[in-house]
Amino acid sequence: MSFVASPLMQTFSMALVMYGSTLVRLMDSPGSAWLVRASRFRALRSLGKYSYAMYLFHYFVGLILVGAFARAYQGPYLVAQLMFWTCTLGVTYGLAWVSWQIPSSARR
């Protein structure tokens, strides 16, 4: 019972309710609503297209880059975090894009 009562699990539960209600509202909105226009944003659609591959790659990319950043960068913590997450997102997105392109080029 302590697992369900932990503050972390309560936060995840609230986030799931929030995202679920956003999706319901998005499906019920007219085409001109700001939420619908935001969902048509090209960068978000691209992240959605490659999101599963990004999910598969992010852990391994993070493991590799955290070791590299720990050895190479000794500056302020916040700057190191921003650089790490920017690099991780970029490399993960790149790998996801490549993994999407290889099978689709083989089908042509």
PDB file of N, CA and C in Angstrom:
ATOM      1  N   MET A   1       0.811  -1.184   0.000  1.00  0.00           N
ATOM      2  CA  MET A   1       0.000   0.000   0.000  1.00  0.00           C
ATOM      3  C   MET A   1       0.861   1.257   0.000  1.00  0.00           C
ATOM      4  N   SER A   2       2.092   1.171   0.481  1.00  0.00           N
ATOM      5  CA  SER A   2       2.944   2.350   0.524  1.00  0.00           C
ATOM      6  C   SER A   2       3.327   2.814  -0.885  1.00  0.00           C
ATOM      7  N   PHE A   3       3.350   1.887  -1.841  1.00  0.00           N
ATOM      8  CA  PHE A   3       3.684   2.254  -3.219  1.00  0.00           C
ATOM      9  C   PHE A   3       2.637   3.213  -3.789  1.00  0.00           C
ATOM     10  N   VAL A   4       1.375   2.929  -3.558  1.00  0.00           N
ATOM     11  CA  VAL A   4       0.301   3.776  -4.067  1.00  0.00           C
ATOM     12  C   VAL A   4       0.236   5.100  -3.313  1.00  0.00           C
ATOM     13  N   ALA A   5       0.600   5.081  -2.046  1.00  0.00           N
ATOM     14  CA  ALA A   5       0.512   6.286  -1.228  1.00  0.00           C
ATOM     15  C   ALA A   5       1.726   7.202  -1.377  1.00  0.00           C
ATOM     16  N   SER A   6       2.736   6.784  -2.130  1.00  0.00           N
ATOM     17  CA  SER A   6       3.927   7.622  -2.251  1.00  0.00           C
ATOM     18  C   SER A   6       3.594   8.890  -3.044  1.00  0.00           C
ATOM     19  N   PRO A   7       4.218   9.996  -2.682  1.00  0.00           N
ATOM     20  CA  PRO A   7       3.965  11.261  -3.390  1.00  0.00           C
ATOM     21  C   PRO A   7       4.314  11.185  -4.878  1.00  0.00           C
ATOM     22  N   LEU A   8       5.335  10.393  -5.222  1.00  0.00           N
ATOM     23  CA  LEU A   8       5.720  10.266  -6.621  1.00  0.00           C
ATOM     24  C   LEU A   8       4.604   9.626  -7.439  1.00  0.00           C
ATOM     25  N   MET A   9       3.989   8.567  -6.914  1.00  0.00           N
ATOM     26  CA  MET A   9       2.903   7.905  -7.631  1.00  0.00           C
ATOM     27  C   MET A   9       1.677   8.807  -7.717  1.00  0.00           C
ATOM     28  N   GLN A  10       1.426   9.608  -6.697  1.00  0.00           N
ATOM     29  CA  GLN A  10       0.305  10.541  -6.752  1.00  0.00           C
ATOM     30  C   GLN A  10       0.546  11.605  -7.818  1.00  0.00           C
ATOM     31  N   THR A  11       1.793  12.039  -7.968  1.00  0.00           N
ATOM     32  CA  THR A  11       2.125  13.014  -9.003  1.00  0.00           C
ATOM     33  C   THR A  11       1.913  12.415 -10.377  1.00  0.00           C
ATOM     34  N   PHE A  12       2.356  11.172 -10.590  1.00  0.00           N
ATOM     35  CA  PHE A  12       2.128  10.513 -11.874  1.00  0.00           C
ATOM     36  C   PHE A  12       0.648  10.360 -12.155  1.00  0.00           C
ATOM     37  N   SER A  13      -0.137  10.022 -11.149  1.00  0.00           N
ATOM     38  CA  SER A  13      -1.574   9.867 -11.326  1.00  0.00           C
ATOM     39  C   SER A  13      -2.209  11.188 -11.739  1.00  0.00           C
ATOM     40  N   MET A  14      -1.804  12.275 -11.112  1.00  0.00           N
ATOM     41  CA  MET A  14      -2.348  13.583 -11.483  1.00  0.00           C
ATOM     42  C   MET A  14      -1.941  13.959 -12.905  1.00  0.00           C
ATOM     43  N   ALA A  15      -0.722  13.620 -13.289  1.00  0.00           N
ATOM     44  CA  ALA A  15      -0.267  13.927 -14.645  1.00  0.00           C
ATOM     45  C   ALA A  15      -1.062  13.124 -15.668  1.00  0.00           C
ATOM     46  N   LEU A  16      -1.336  11.858 -15.370  1.00  0.00           N
ATOM     47  CA  LEU A  16      -2.128  11.045 -16.292  1.00  0.00           C
ATOM     48  C   LEU A  16      -3.533  11.601 -16.467  1.00  0.00           C
ATOM     49  N   VAL A  17      -4.148  12.028 -15.389  1.00  0.00           N
ATOM     50  CA  VAL A  17      -5.481  12.626 -15.476  1.00  0.00           C
ATOM     51  C   VAL A  17      -5.425  13.909 -16.299  1.00  0.00           C
ATOM     52  N   MET A  18      -4.399  14.725 -16.084  1.00  0.00           N
ATOM     53  CA  MET A  18      -4.279  15.982 -16.819  1.00  0.00           C
ATOM     54  C   MET A  18      -4.098  15.724 -18.317  1.00  0.00           C
ATOM     55  N   TYR A  19      -3.191  14.813 -18.678  1.00  0.00           N
ATOM     56  CA  TYR A  19      -2.964  14.528 -20.090  1.00  0.00           C
ATOM     57  C   TYR A  19      -4.181  13.863 -20.732  1.00  0.00           C
ATOM     58  N   GLY A  20      -4.831  12.990 -20.005  1.00  0.00           N
ATOM     59  CA  GLY A  20      -6.036  12.350 -20.525  1.00  0.00           C
ATOM     60  C   GLY A  20      -7.144  13.357 -20.777  1.00  0.00           C
ATOM     61  N   SER A  21      -7.340  14.279 -19.854  1.00  0.00           N
ATOM     62  CA  SER A  21      -8.375  15.295 -20.051  1.00  0.00           C
ATOM     63  C   SER A  21      -8.008  16.243 -21.185  1.00  0.00           C
ATOM     64  N   THR A  22      -6.713  16.490 -21.389  1.00  0.00           N
ATOM     65  CA  THR A  22      -6.287  17.316 -22.521  1.00  0.00           C
ATOM     66  C   THR A  22      -6.616  16.628 -23.840  1.00  0.00           C
ATOM     67  N   LEU A  23      -6.396  15.323 -23.917  1.00  0.00           N
ATOM     68  CA  LEU A  23      -6.732  14.580 -25.133  1.00  0.00           C
ATOM     69  C   LEU A  23      -8.233  14.581 -25.396  1.00  0.00           C
ATOM     70  N   VAL A  24      -9.036  14.399 -24.353  1.00  0.00           N
ATOM     71  CA  VAL A  24     -10.490  14.426 -24.522  1.00  0.00           C
ATOM     72  C   VAL A  24     -10.924  15.799 -25.012  1.00  0.00           C
ATOM     73  N   ARG A  25     -10.364  16.836 -24.414  1.00  0.00           N
ATOM     74  CA  ARG A  25     -10.712  18.195 -24.830  1.00  0.00           C
ATOM     75  C   ARG A  25     -10.261  18.453 -26.261  1.00  0.00           C
ATOM     76  N   LEU A  26      -9.117  17.943 -26.649  1.00  0.00           N
ATOM     77  CA  LEU A  26      -8.610  18.119 -27.999  1.00  0.00           C
ATOM     78  C   LEU A  26      -9.532  17.460 -29.019  1.00  0.00           C
ATOM     79  N   MET A  27     -10.021  16.259 -28.714  1.00  0.00           N
ATOM     80  CA  MET A  27     -10.910  15.559 -29.638  1.00  0.00           C
ATOM     81  C   MET A  27     -12.265  16.240 -29.746  1.00  0.00           C
ATOM     82  N   ASP A  28     -12.664  16.968 -28.720  1.00  0.00           N
ATOM     83  CA  ASP A  28     -13.971  17.605 -28.691  1.00  0.00           C
ATOM     84  C   ASP A  28     -13.937  19.052 -29.175  1.00  0.00           C
ATOM     85  N   SER A  29     -12.762  19.584 -29.485  1.00  0.00           N
ATOM     86  CA  SER A  29     -12.628  20.991 -29.855  1.00  0.00           C
ATOM     87  C   SER A  29     -12.889  21.201 -31.341  1.00  0.00           C
ATOM     88  N   PRO A  30     -13.399  22.392 -31.708  1.00  0.00           N
ATOM     89  CA  PRO A  30     -13.521  22.719 -33.130  1.00  0.00           C
ATOM     90  C   PRO A  30     -12.127  22.917 -33.735  1.00  0.00           C
ATOM     91  N   GLY A  31     -12.041  22.870 -35.046  1.00  0.00           N
ATOM     92  CA  GLY A  31     -10.753  22.943 -35.733  1.00  0.00           C
ATOM     93  C   GLY A  31      -9.996  24.233 -35.531  1.00  0.00           C
ATOM     94  N   SER A  32     -10.664  25.293 -35.114  1.00  0.00           N
ATOM     95  CA  SER A  32      -9.982  26.579 -34.951  1.00  0.00           C
ATOM     96  C   SER A  32      -9.501  26.820 -33.521  1.00  0.00           C
ATOM     97  N   ALA A  33      -9.743  25.914 -32.617  1.00  0.00           N
ATOM     98  CA  ALA A  33      -9.344  26.100 -31.220  1.00  0.00           C
ATOM     99  C   ALA A  33      -7.818  26.098 -31.104  1.00  0.00           C
ATOM    100  N   TRP A  34      -7.295  26.824 -30.122  1.00  0.00           N
ATOM    101  CA  TRP A  34      -5.839  26.942 -29.964  1.00  0.00           C
ATOM    102  C   TRP A  34      -5.202  25.589 -29.676  1.00  0.00           C
ATOM    103  N   LEU A  35      -5.920  24.708 -28.991  1.00  0.00           N
ATOM    104  CA  LEU A  35      -5.373  23.398 -28.672  1.00  0.00           C
ATOM    105  C   LEU A  35      -5.217  22.550 -29.927  1.00  0.00           C
ATOM    106  N   VAL A  36      -6.168  22.666 -30.838  1.00  0.00           N
ATOM    107  CA  VAL A  36      -6.092  21.937 -32.107  1.00  0.00           C
ATOM    108  C   VAL A  36      -4.956  22.501 -32.957  1.00  0.00           C
ATOM    109  N   ARG A  37      -4.850  23.826 -33.010  1.00  0.00           N
ATOM    110  CA  ARG A  37      -3.757  24.440 -33.775  1.00  0.00           C
ATOM    111  C   ARG A  37      -2.401  24.054 -33.199  1.00  0.00           C
ATOM    112  N   ALA A  38      -2.300  23.988 -31.884  1.00  0.00           N
ATOM    113  CA  ALA A  38      -1.034  23.594 -31.254  1.00  0.00           C
ATOM    114  C   ALA A  38      -0.696  22.141 -31.565  1.00  0.00           C
ATOM    115  N   SER A  39      -1.701  21.287 -31.665  1.00  0.00           N
ATOM    116  CA  SER A  39      -1.437  19.874 -31.952  1.00  0.00           C
ATOM    117  C   SER A  39      -1.004  19.666 -33.398  1.00  0.00           C
ATOM    118  N   ARG A  40      -1.226  20.653 -34.248  1.00  0.00           N
ATOM    119  CA  ARG A  40      -0.796  20.559 -35.650  1.00  0.00           C
ATOM    120  C   ARG A  40       0.597  21.141 -35.863  1.00  0.00           C
ATOM    121  N   PHE A  41       1.234  21.581 -34.799  1.00  0.00           N
ATOM    122  CA  PHE A  41       2.574  22.150 -34.875  1.00  0.00           C
ATOM    123  C   PHE A  41       3.533  21.081 -35.396  1.00  0.00           C
ATOM    124  N   ARG A  42       4.296  21.406 -36.431  1.00  0.00           N
ATOM    125  CA  ARG A  42       5.125  20.424 -37.135  1.00  0.00           C
ATOM    126  C   ARG A  42       6.142  19.710 -36.226  1.00  0.00           C
ATOM    127  N   ALA A  43       6.773  20.450 -35.312  1.00  0.00           N
ATOM    128  CA  ALA A  43       7.775  19.836 -34.432  1.00  0.00           C
ATOM    129  C   ALA A  43       7.135  18.813 -33.495  1.00  0.00           C
ATOM    130  N   LEU A  44       5.952  19.116 -32.983  1.00  0.00           N
ATOM    131  CA  LEU A  44       5.267  18.152 -32.112  1.00  0.00           C
ATOM    132  C   LEU A  44       4.842  16.904 -32.879  1.00  0.00           C
ATOM    133  N   ARG A  45       4.385  17.090 -34.099  1.00  0.00           N
ATOM    134  CA  ARG A  45       3.995  15.933 -34.913  1.00  0.00           C
ATOM    135  C   ARG A  45       5.213  15.065 -35.237  1.00  0.00           C
ATOM    136  N   SER A  46       6.354  15.711 -35.464  1.00  0.00           N
ATOM    137  CA  SER A  46       7.579  14.964 -35.732  1.00  0.00           C
ATOM    138  C   SER A  46       8.013  14.167 -34.503  1.00  0.00           C
ATOM    139  N   LEU A  47       7.936  14.790 -33.323  1.00  0.00           N
ATOM    140  CA  LEU A  47       8.269  14.066 -32.092  1.00  0.00           C
ATOM    141  C   LEU A  47       7.312  12.894 -31.886  1.00  0.00           C
ATOM    142  N   GLY A  48       6.046  13.089 -32.222  1.00  0.00           N
ATOM    143  CA  GLY A  48       5.078  12.004 -32.101  1.00  0.00           C
ATOM    144  C   GLY A  48       5.371  10.862 -33.061  1.00  0.00           C
ATOM    145  N   LYS A  49       5.818  11.224 -34.253  1.00  0.00           N
ATOM    146  CA  LYS A  49       6.119  10.202 -35.265  1.00  0.00           C
ATOM    147  C   LYS A  49       7.263   9.288 -34.826  1.00  0.00           C
ATOM    148  N   TYR A  50       8.269   9.884 -34.203  1.00  0.00           N
ATOM    149  CA  TYR A  50       9.453   9.126 -33.811  1.00  0.00           C
ATOM    150  C   TYR A  50       9.489   8.791 -32.319  1.00  0.00           C
ATOM    151  N   SER A  51       8.419   9.017 -31.604  1.00  0.00           N
ATOM    152  CA  SER A  51       8.447   8.911 -30.142  1.00  0.00           C
ATOM    153  C   SER A  51       8.763   7.500 -29.642  1.00  0.00           C
ATOM    154  N   TYR A  52       8.243   6.470 -30.299  1.00  0.00           N
ATOM    155  CA  TYR A  52       8.510   5.118 -29.800  1.00  0.00           C
ATOM    156  C   TYR A  52       9.979   4.754 -29.975  1.00  0.00           C
ATOM    157  N   ALA A  53      10.539   5.101 -31.116  1.00  0.00           N
ATOM    158  CA  ALA A  53      11.965   4.828 -31.329  1.00  0.00           C
ATOM    159  C   ALA A  53      12.811   5.643 -30.349  1.00  0.00           C
ATOM    160  N   MET A  54      12.397   6.878 -30.073  1.00  0.00           N
ATOM    161  CA  MET A  54      13.114   7.686 -29.090  1.00  0.00           C
ATOM    162  C   MET A  54      13.046   7.037 -27.721  1.00  0.00           C
ATOM    163  N   TYR A  55      11.893   6.484 -27.391  1.00  0.00           N
ATOM    164  CA  TYR A  55      11.734   5.779 -26.119  1.00  0.00           C
ATOM    165  C   TYR A  55      12.694   4.595 -26.036  1.00  0.00           C
ATOM    166  N   LEU A  56      12.848   3.865 -27.126  1.00  0.00           N
ATOM    167  CA  LEU A  56      13.737   2.698 -27.134  1.00  0.00           C
ATOM    168  C   LEU A  56      15.213   3.093 -27.017  1.00  0.00           C
ATOM    169  N   PHE A  57      15.597   4.203 -27.626  1.00  0.00           N
ATOM    170  CA  PHE A  57      17.006   4.593 -27.672  1.00  0.00           C
ATOM    171  C   PHE A  57      17.461   5.454 -26.500  1.00  0.00           C
ATOM    172  N   HIS A  58      16.562   6.186 -25.847  1.00  0.00           N
ATOM    173  CA  HIS A  58      16.992   7.227 -24.915  1.00  0.00           C
ATOM    174  C   HIS A  58      17.802   6.706 -23.734  1.00  0.00           C
ATOM    175  N   TYR A  59      17.473   5.540 -23.248  1.00  0.00           N
ATOM    176  CA  TYR A  59      18.179   5.014 -22.074  1.00  0.00           C
ATOM    177  C   TYR A  59      19.647   4.743 -22.405  1.00  0.00           C
ATOM    178  N   PHE A  60      19.886   4.108 -23.535  1.00  0.00           N
ATOM    179  CA  PHE A  60      21.250   3.756 -23.915  1.00  0.00           C
ATOM    180  C   PHE A  60      22.064   4.994 -24.289  1.00  0.00           C
ATOM    181  N   VAL A  61      21.434   5.926 -24.978  1.00  0.00           N
ATOM    182  CA  VAL A  61      22.112   7.186 -25.310  1.00  0.00           C
ATOM    183  C   VAL A  61      22.465   7.931 -24.024  1.00  0.00           C
ATOM    184  N   GLY A  62      21.542   7.970 -23.082  1.00  0.00           N
ATOM    185  CA  GLY A  62      21.796   8.627 -21.807  1.00  0.00           C
ATOM    186  C   GLY A  62      22.940   7.995 -21.045  1.00  0.00           C
ATOM    187  N   LEU A  63      22.989   6.665 -21.039  1.00  0.00           N
ATOM    188  CA  LEU A  63      24.094   5.983 -20.347  1.00  0.00           C
ATOM    189  C   LEU A  63      25.446   6.324 -20.956  1.00  0.00           C
ATOM    190  N   ILE A  64      25.498   6.364 -22.266  1.00  0.00           N
ATOM    191  CA  ILE A  64      26.757   6.671 -22.942  1.00  0.00           C
ATOM    192  C   ILE A  64      27.157   8.122 -22.695  1.00  0.00           C
ATOM    193  N   LEU A  65      26.188   9.032 -22.842  1.00  0.00           N
ATOM    194  CA  LEU A  65      26.512  10.453 -22.710  1.00  0.00           C
ATOM    195  C   LEU A  65      26.774  10.877 -21.275  1.00  0.00           C
ATOM    196  N   VAL A  66      26.139  10.235 -20.298  1.00  0.00           N
ATOM    197  CA  VAL A  66      26.389  10.636 -18.910  1.00  0.00           C
ATOM    198  C   VAL A  66      27.838  10.330 -18.531  1.00  0.00           C
ATOM    199  N   GLY A  67      28.369   9.233 -19.018  1.00  0.00           N
ATOM    200  CA  GLY A  67      29.774   8.927 -18.773  1.00  0.00           C
ATOM    201  C   GLY A  67      30.693   9.929 -19.452  1.00  0.00           C
ATOM    202  N   ALA A  68      30.345  10.307 -20.674  1.00  0.00           N
ATOM    203  CA  ALA A  68      31.163  11.269 -21.402  1.00  0.00           C
ATOM    204  C   ALA A  68      31.112  12.639 -20.734  1.00  0.00           C
ATOM    205  N   PHE A  69      29.930  13.065 -20.301  1.00  0.00           N
ATOM    206  CA  PHE A  69      29.807  14.374 -19.655  1.00  0.00           C
ATOM    207  C   PHE A  69      30.474  14.389 -18.284  1.00  0.00           C
ATOM    208  N   ALA A  70      30.412  13.289 -17.575  1.00  0.00           N
ATOM    209  CA  ALA A  70      31.021  13.240 -16.238  1.00  0.00           C
ATOM    210  C   ALA A  70      32.532  13.411 -16.322  1.00  0.00           C
ATOM    211  N   ARG A  71      33.128  12.856 -17.364  1.00  0.00           N
ATOM    212  CA  ARG A  71      34.581  12.971 -17.519  1.00  0.00           C
ATOM    213  C   ARG A  71      35.001  14.288 -18.155  1.00  0.00           C
ATOM    214  N   ALA A  72      34.201  14.805 -19.100  1.00  0.00           N
ATOM    215  CA  ALA A  72      34.666  15.934 -19.917  1.00  0.00           C
ATOM    216  C   ALA A  72      34.288  17.300 -19.374  1.00  0.00           C
ATOM    217  N   TYR A  73      33.160  17.425 -18.695  1.00  0.00           N
ATOM    218  CA  TYR A  73      32.683  18.761 -18.319  1.00  0.00           C
ATOM    219  C   TYR A  73      32.719  18.935 -16.811  1.00  0.00           C
ATOM    220  N   GLN A  74      33.376  19.990 -16.360  1.00  0.00           N
ATOM    221  CA  GLN A  74      33.486  20.261 -14.932  1.00  0.00           C
ATOM    222  C   GLN A  74      32.957  21.648 -14.573  1.00  0.00           C
ATOM    223  N   GLY A  75      32.059  22.193 -15.383  1.00  0.00           N
ATOM    224  CA  GLY A  75      31.531  23.537 -15.155  1.00  0.00           C
ATOM    225  C   GLY A  75      30.341  23.527 -14.206  1.00  0.00           C
ATOM    226  N   PRO A  76      29.535  24.602 -14.233  1.00  0.00           N
ATOM    227  CA  PRO A  76      28.352  24.697 -13.376  1.00  0.00           C
ATOM    228  C   PRO A  76      27.354  23.571 -13.660  1.00  0.00           C
ATOM    229  N   TYR A  77      26.685  23.121 -12.617  1.00  0.00           N
ATOM    230  CA  TYR A  77      25.788  21.979 -12.711  1.00  0.00           C
ATOM    231  C   TYR A  77      24.637  22.232 -13.686  1.00  0.00           C
ATOM    232  N   LEU A  78      24.011  23.395 -13.611  1.00  0.00           N
ATOM    233  CA  LEU A  78      22.867  23.692 -14.471  1.00  0.00           C
ATOM    234  C   LEU A  78      23.265  23.693 -15.938  1.00  0.00           C
ATOM    235  N   VAL A  79      24.405  24.267 -16.244  1.00  0.00           N
ATOM    236  CA  VAL A  79      24.889  24.281 -17.628  1.00  0.00           C
ATOM    237  C   VAL A  79      25.169  22.860 -18.098  1.00  0.00           C
ATOM    238  N   ALA A  80      25.770  22.068 -17.242  1.00  0.00           N
ATOM    239  CA  ALA A  80      26.048  20.673 -17.593  1.00  0.00           C
ATOM    240  C   ALA A  80      24.748  19.908 -17.858  1.00  0.00           C
ATOM    241  N   GLN A  81      23.725  20.124 -17.034  1.00  0.00           N
ATOM    242  CA  GLN A  81      22.439  19.456 -17.239  1.00  0.00           C
ATOM    243  C   GLN A  81      21.798  19.873 -18.556  1.00  0.00           C
ATOM    244  N   LEU A  82      21.805  21.165 -18.838  1.00  0.00           N
ATOM    245  CA  LEU A  82      21.221  21.647 -20.091  1.00  0.00           C
ATOM    246  C   LEU A  82      21.953  21.076 -21.301  1.00  0.00           C
ATOM    247  N   MET A  83      23.272  21.059 -21.233  1.00  0.00           N
ATOM    248  CA  MET A  83      24.045  20.491 -22.335  1.00  0.00           C
ATOM    249  C   MET A  83      23.786  18.996 -22.480  1.00  0.00           C
ATOM    250  N   PHE A  84      23.730  18.281 -21.357  1.00  0.00           N
ATOM    251  CA  PHE A  84      23.498  16.842 -21.392  1.00  0.00           C
ATOM    252  C   PHE A  84      22.142  16.532 -22.012  1.00  0.00           C
ATOM    253  N   TRP A  85      21.083  17.194 -21.547  1.00  0.00           N
ATOM    254  CA  TRP A  85      19.744  16.892 -22.047  1.00  0.00           C
ATOM    255  C   TRP A  85      19.553  17.333 -23.489  1.00  0.00           C
ATOM    256  N   THR A  86      20.197  18.417 -23.882  1.00  0.00           N
ATOM    257  CA  THR A  86      20.131  18.852 -25.275  1.00  0.00           C
ATOM    258  C   THR A  86      20.820  17.839 -26.178  1.00  0.00           C
ATOM    259  N   CYS A  87      21.997  17.402 -25.782  1.00  0.00           N
ATOM    260  CA  CYS A  87      22.715  16.390 -26.572  1.00  0.00           C
ATOM    261  C   CYS A  87      21.965  15.064 -26.597  1.00  0.00           C
ATOM    262  N   THR A  88      21.429  14.661 -25.458  1.00  0.00           N
ATOM    263  CA  THR A  88      20.683  13.399 -25.398  1.00  0.00           C
ATOM    264  C   THR A  88      19.462  13.449 -26.299  1.00  0.00           C
ATOM    265  N   LEU A  89      18.718  14.546 -26.251  1.00  0.00           N
ATOM    266  CA  LEU A  89      17.543  14.677 -27.100  1.00  0.00           C
ATOM    267  C   LEU A  89      17.931  14.685 -28.574  1.00  0.00           C
ATOM    268  N   GLY A  90      18.986  15.412 -28.917  1.00  0.00           N
ATOM    269  CA  GLY A  90      19.419  15.475 -30.308  1.00  0.00           C
ATOM    270  C   GLY A  90      19.889  14.135 -30.847  1.00  0.00           C
ATOM    271  N   VAL A  91      20.718  13.442 -30.077  1.00  0.00           N
ATOM    272  CA  VAL A  91      21.223  12.134 -30.526  1.00  0.00           C
ATOM    273  C   VAL A  91      20.082  11.116 -30.590  1.00  0.00           C
ATOM    274  N   THR A  92      19.208  11.134 -29.606  1.00  0.00           N
ATOM    275  CA  THR A  92      18.084  10.202 -29.587  1.00  0.00           C
ATOM    276  C   THR A  92      17.160  10.456 -30.766  1.00  0.00           C
ATOM    277  N   TYR A  93      16.855  11.726 -31.038  1.00  0.00           N
ATOM    278  CA  TYR A  93      16.009  12.056 -32.181  1.00  0.00           C
ATOM    279  C   TYR A  93      16.677  11.633 -33.486  1.00  0.00           C
ATOM    280  N   GLY A  94      17.977  11.875 -33.602  1.00  0.00           N
ATOM    281  CA  GLY A  94      18.704  11.468 -34.804  1.00  0.00           C
ATOM    282  C   GLY A  94      18.664   9.961 -35.023  1.00  0.00           C
ATOM    283  N   LEU A  95      18.882   9.196 -33.969  1.00  0.00           N
ATOM    284  CA  LEU A  95      18.809   7.733 -34.091  1.00  0.00           C
ATOM    285  C   LEU A  95      17.401   7.275 -34.455  1.00  0.00           C
ATOM    286  N   ALA A  96      16.391   7.916 -33.871  1.00  0.00           N
ATOM    287  CA  ALA A  96      15.007   7.559 -34.184  1.00  0.00           C
ATOM    288  C   ALA A  96      14.702   7.870 -35.645  1.00  0.00           C
ATOM    289  N   TRP A  97      15.185   9.012 -36.133  1.00  0.00           N
ATOM    290  CA  TRP A  97      14.968   9.385 -37.524  1.00  0.00           C
ATOM    291  C   TRP A  97      15.630   8.377 -38.463  1.00  0.00           C
ATOM    292  N   VAL A  98      16.873   8.018 -38.154  1.00  0.00           N
ATOM    293  CA  VAL A  98      17.595   7.044 -38.988  1.00  0.00           C
ATOM    294  C   VAL A  98      16.881   5.695 -38.959  1.00  0.00           C
ATOM    295  N   SER A  99      16.423   5.272 -37.790  1.00  0.00           N
ATOM    296  CA  SER A  99      15.749   3.978 -37.694  1.00  0.00           C
ATOM    297  C   SER A  99      14.423   3.989 -38.451  1.00  0.00           C
ATOM    298  N   TRP A 100      13.833   5.152 -38.635  1.00  0.00           N
ATOM    299  CA  TRP A 100      12.598   5.261 -39.415  1.00  0.00           C
ATOM    300  C   TRP A 100      12.916   5.254 -40.912  1.00  0.00           C
ATOM    301  N   GLN A 101      14.028   5.869 -41.301  1.00  0.00           N
ATOM    302  CA  GLN A 101      14.380   6.000 -42.710  1.00  0.00           C
ATOM    303  C   GLN A 101      14.895   4.699 -43.317  1.00  0.00           C
ATOM    304  N   ILE A 102      15.600   3.895 -42.548  1.00  0.00           N
ATOM    305  CA  ILE A 102      16.181   2.659 -43.103  1.00  0.00           C
ATOM    306  C   ILE A 102      15.109   1.713 -43.628  1.00  0.00           C
ATOM    307  N   PRO A 103      14.088   1.357 -42.836  1.00  0.00           N
ATOM    308  CA  PRO A 103      13.061   0.465 -43.404  1.00  0.00           C
ATOM    309  C   PRO A 103      12.253   1.109 -44.531  1.00  0.00           C
ATOM    310  N   SER A 104      12.007   2.408 -44.466  1.00  0.00           N
ATOM    311  CA  SER A 104      11.209   3.020 -45.519  1.00  0.00           C
ATOM    312  C   SER A 104      12.012   3.146 -46.815  1.00  0.00           C
ATOM    313  N   SER A 105      13.339   3.280 -46.742  1.00  0.00           N
ATOM    314  CA  SER A 105      14.136   3.303 -47.980  1.00  0.00           C
ATOM    315  C   SER A 105      14.271   1.896 -48.563  1.00  0.00           C
ATOM    316  N   ALA A 106      14.205   0.883 -47.724  1.00  0.00           N
ATOM    317  CA  ALA A 106      14.290  -0.498 -48.212  1.00  0.00           C
ATOM    318  C   ALA A 106      13.007  -0.886 -48.957  1.00  0.00           C
ATOM    319  N   ARG A 107      11.881  -0.263 -48.604  1.00  0.00           N
ATOM    320  CA  ARG A 107      10.606  -0.577 -49.253  1.00  0.00           C
ATOM    321  C   ARG A 107      10.490   0.074 -50.629  1.00  0.00           C
ATOM    322  N   ARG A 108      11.288   1.084 -50.912  1.00  0.00           N
ATOM    323  CA  ARG A 108      11.161   1.805 -52.196  1.00  0.00           C
ATOM    324  C   ARG A 108      11.756   1.063 -53.312  1.00  0.00           C
TER     325      ARG A 108
END
